[in-house]
Amino acid sequence: MKQKKNILNVYYDREADVLYMSQGKPSARDETSETEDEVIVRKDFKTGYVKGFTILNFLKRSETKSSTITLPA
């Protein structure tokens, strides 16, 4: 069965305090970059389309005044 492209997979690693969000499976050819606020963006190497995000220190962010995370889409 083919996976629909519009499905967003979300996984939280409690031990590492990292939230992963991905549309489709990661590829070794995807391009990644880290933003100033510890968010890693994964893009399709051909189209530049954002395929996923990794948010570091996810729950620790909620301990601060602002728990808003801006994702570069």
N, C-alpha and C. Protein backbone atom coordinates (compact mmCIF):
# COMPACT_ATOMS: atom_id res chain seq x y z
N MET A 1 0.84 -1.18 0.00
CA MET A 1 0.00 0.00 0.00
C MET A 1 0.89 1.25 0.00
N LYS A 2 0.61 2.18 -0.83
CA LYS A 2 1.36 3.42 -0.95
C LYS A 2 0.96 4.39 0.15
N GLN A 3 1.96 5.04 0.77
CA GLN A 3 1.68 6.02 1.80
C GLN A 3 1.26 7.34 1.16
N LYS A 4 0.20 7.95 1.72
CA LYS A 4 -0.27 9.23 1.21
C LYS A 4 0.74 10.30 1.58
N LYS A 5 1.00 11.22 0.67
CA LYS A 5 1.98 12.27 0.90
C LYS A 5 1.50 13.32 1.89
N ASN A 6 0.21 13.44 2.11
CA ASN A 6 -0.29 14.48 2.99
C ASN A 6 -0.40 14.05 4.45
N ILE A 7 0.14 12.88 4.79
CA ILE A 7 0.12 12.40 6.17
C ILE A 7 1.37 12.91 6.89
N LEU A 8 1.17 13.49 8.07
CA LEU A 8 2.27 13.98 8.88
C LEU A 8 2.52 12.98 10.01
N ASN A 9 3.69 12.38 10.01
CA ASN A 9 4.07 11.44 11.06
C ASN A 9 4.74 12.22 12.18
N VAL A 10 4.31 11.96 13.42
CA VAL A 10 4.86 12.66 14.58
C VAL A 10 5.33 11.62 15.59
N TYR A 11 6.56 11.82 16.09
CA TYR A 11 7.12 10.91 17.09
C TYR A 11 7.86 11.73 18.12
N TYR A 12 7.64 11.42 19.40
CA TYR A 12 8.33 12.11 20.47
C TYR A 12 9.26 11.14 21.18
N ASP A 13 10.54 11.49 21.31
CA ASP A 13 11.53 10.71 22.04
C ASP A 13 11.68 11.35 23.41
N ARG A 14 11.06 10.73 24.43
CA ARG A 14 11.03 11.30 25.77
C ARG A 14 12.43 11.38 26.38
N GLU A 15 13.23 10.36 26.18
CA GLU A 15 14.58 10.33 26.76
C GLU A 15 15.45 11.47 26.23
N ALA A 16 15.36 11.74 24.94
CA ALA A 16 16.16 12.80 24.32
C ALA A 16 15.45 14.15 24.31
N ASP A 17 14.15 14.17 24.65
CA ASP A 17 13.32 15.37 24.60
C ASP A 17 13.35 15.99 23.20
N VAL A 18 13.05 15.15 22.21
CA VAL A 18 13.07 15.57 20.81
C VAL A 18 11.75 15.17 20.15
N LEU A 19 11.15 16.11 19.42
CA LEU A 19 9.93 15.84 18.66
C LEU A 19 10.29 15.78 17.18
N TYR A 20 9.88 14.71 16.53
CA TYR A 20 10.12 14.53 15.09
C TYR A 20 8.80 14.63 14.36
N MET A 21 8.75 15.43 13.29
CA MET A 21 7.58 15.52 12.43
C MET A 21 8.07 15.32 11.00
N SER A 22 7.42 14.42 10.29
CA SER A 22 7.90 14.10 8.96
C SER A 22 6.76 13.75 8.03
N GLN A 23 6.91 14.21 6.80
CA GLN A 23 5.98 13.83 5.75
C GLN A 23 6.74 12.87 4.86
N GLY A 24 6.43 11.60 4.95
CA GLY A 24 7.17 10.58 4.22
C GLY A 24 8.43 10.17 4.97
N LYS A 25 9.12 9.20 4.41
CA LYS A 25 10.33 8.69 5.04
C LYS A 25 11.52 9.59 4.72
N PRO A 26 12.41 9.78 5.71
CA PRO A 26 13.63 10.56 5.44
C PRO A 26 14.50 9.86 4.40
N SER A 27 15.22 10.65 3.64
CA SER A 27 16.13 10.14 2.63
C SER A 27 17.53 10.67 2.93
N ALA A 28 18.54 9.87 2.64
CA ALA A 28 19.93 10.31 2.84
C ALA A 28 20.24 11.52 1.97
N ARG A 29 19.47 11.73 0.91
CA ARG A 29 19.71 12.86 0.00
C ARG A 29 18.99 14.13 0.43
N ASP A 30 18.14 14.05 1.45
CA ASP A 30 17.47 15.25 1.95
C ASP A 30 18.50 16.25 2.49
N GLU A 31 18.19 17.53 2.36
CA GLU A 31 19.04 18.58 2.89
C GLU A 31 18.52 18.98 4.27
N THR A 32 19.41 19.16 5.24
CA THR A 32 19.00 19.59 6.56
C THR A 32 19.73 20.87 6.96
N SER A 33 19.04 21.67 7.76
CA SER A 33 19.65 22.88 8.31
C SER A 33 19.03 23.15 9.67
N GLU A 34 19.81 23.74 10.56
CA GLU A 34 19.32 24.05 11.90
C GLU A 34 19.04 25.53 12.01
N THR A 35 17.89 25.87 12.59
CA THR A 35 17.53 27.27 12.79
C THR A 35 18.17 27.76 14.09
N GLU A 36 18.01 29.04 14.38
CA GLU A 36 18.57 29.63 15.59
C GLU A 36 17.95 29.05 16.86
N ASP A 37 16.73 28.55 16.79
CA ASP A 37 16.04 28.08 17.99
C ASP A 37 15.95 26.56 18.08
N GLU A 38 16.99 25.86 17.66
CA GLU A 38 17.13 24.41 17.81
C GLU A 38 16.03 23.62 17.09
N VAL A 39 15.67 24.07 15.92
CA VAL A 39 14.75 23.33 15.07
C VAL A 39 15.53 22.92 13.82
N ILE A 40 15.50 21.64 13.52
CA ILE A 40 16.18 21.14 12.32
C ILE A 40 15.13 20.95 11.24
N VAL A 41 15.39 21.53 10.08
CA VAL A 41 14.46 21.48 8.95
C VAL A 41 15.03 20.50 7.91
N ARG A 42 14.18 19.60 7.43
CA ARG A 42 14.58 18.64 6.40
C ARG A 42 13.83 18.96 5.12
N LYS A 43 14.59 19.16 4.02
CA LYS A 43 13.99 19.53 2.74
C LYS A 43 14.36 18.52 1.66
N ASP A 44 13.47 18.38 0.69
CA ASP A 44 13.73 17.55 -0.49
C ASP A 44 14.87 18.19 -1.27
N PHE A 45 15.87 17.41 -1.62
CA PHE A 45 17.06 17.96 -2.28
C PHE A 45 16.77 18.51 -3.67
N LYS A 46 15.74 18.01 -4.34
CA LYS A 46 15.42 18.47 -5.69
C LYS A 46 14.53 19.71 -5.69
N THR A 47 13.48 19.67 -4.88
CA THR A 47 12.47 20.72 -4.94
C THR A 47 12.62 21.80 -3.86
N GLY A 48 13.34 21.49 -2.79
CA GLY A 48 13.45 22.42 -1.68
C GLY A 48 12.22 22.40 -0.78
N TYR A 49 11.27 21.50 -1.08
CA TYR A 49 10.03 21.37 -0.31
C TYR A 49 10.35 20.85 1.10
N VAL A 50 9.80 21.49 2.13
CA VAL A 50 10.02 21.06 3.50
C VAL A 50 9.30 19.73 3.73
N LYS A 51 10.06 18.72 4.14
CA LYS A 51 9.52 17.39 4.37
C LYS A 51 9.39 17.05 5.85
N GLY A 52 10.10 17.80 6.71
CA GLY A 52 10.00 17.48 8.12
C GLY A 52 10.76 18.44 9.01
N PHE A 53 10.48 18.30 10.30
CA PHE A 53 11.13 19.11 11.32
C PHE A 53 11.55 18.22 12.48
N THR A 54 12.63 18.57 13.12
CA THR A 54 13.05 17.96 14.36
C THR A 54 13.19 19.09 15.36
N ILE A 55 12.48 19.01 16.48
CA ILE A 55 12.50 20.08 17.47
C ILE A 55 13.24 19.56 18.70
N LEU A 56 14.40 20.15 18.97
CA LEU A 56 15.21 19.76 20.11
C LEU A 56 14.69 20.43 21.38
N ASN A 57 14.89 19.77 22.52
CA ASN A 57 14.45 20.30 23.83
C ASN A 57 12.98 20.69 23.82
N PHE A 58 12.16 19.80 23.30
CA PHE A 58 10.75 20.10 23.08
C PHE A 58 10.00 20.44 24.38
N LEU A 59 10.06 19.58 25.39
CA LEU A 59 9.32 19.85 26.62
C LEU A 59 9.98 20.93 27.47
N LYS A 60 11.29 21.04 27.40
CA LYS A 60 11.98 22.09 28.15
C LYS A 60 11.49 23.47 27.74
N ARG A 61 11.05 23.60 26.50
CA ARG A 61 10.54 24.88 26.01
C ARG A 61 9.28 25.32 26.76
N SER A 62 8.49 24.35 27.22
CA SER A 62 7.24 24.68 27.90
C SER A 62 7.50 25.23 29.30
N GLU A 63 8.72 25.07 29.81
CA GLU A 63 9.07 25.60 31.13
C GLU A 63 9.36 27.10 31.07
N THR A 64 9.51 27.63 29.88
CA THR A 64 9.77 29.07 29.73
C THR A 64 8.45 29.81 29.58
N LYS A 65 8.51 31.12 29.62
CA LYS A 65 7.30 31.94 29.49
C LYS A 65 6.57 31.68 28.18
N SER A 66 7.32 31.62 27.10
CA SER A 66 6.72 31.44 25.79
C SER A 66 6.99 30.04 25.28
N SER A 67 5.95 29.28 25.05
CA SER A 67 6.13 27.93 24.52
C SER A 67 5.79 27.87 23.04
N THR A 68 5.73 29.02 22.40
CA THR A 68 5.45 29.09 20.97
C THR A 68 6.70 28.73 20.18
N ILE A 69 6.54 27.88 19.20
CA ILE A 69 7.63 27.50 18.31
C ILE A 69 7.23 27.91 16.91
N THR A 70 8.06 28.70 16.27
CA THR A 70 7.80 29.12 14.89
C THR A 70 8.56 28.20 13.95
N LEU A 71 7.84 27.56 13.05
CA LEU A 71 8.45 26.64 12.10
C LEU A 71 8.57 27.30 10.74
N PRO A 72 9.77 27.25 10.16
CA PRO A 72 9.97 27.86 8.84
C PRO A 72 9.40 26.98 7.74
N ALA A 73 8.22 27.30 7.26
CA ALA A 73 7.58 26.46 6.24
C ALA A 73 7.60 27.16 4.90
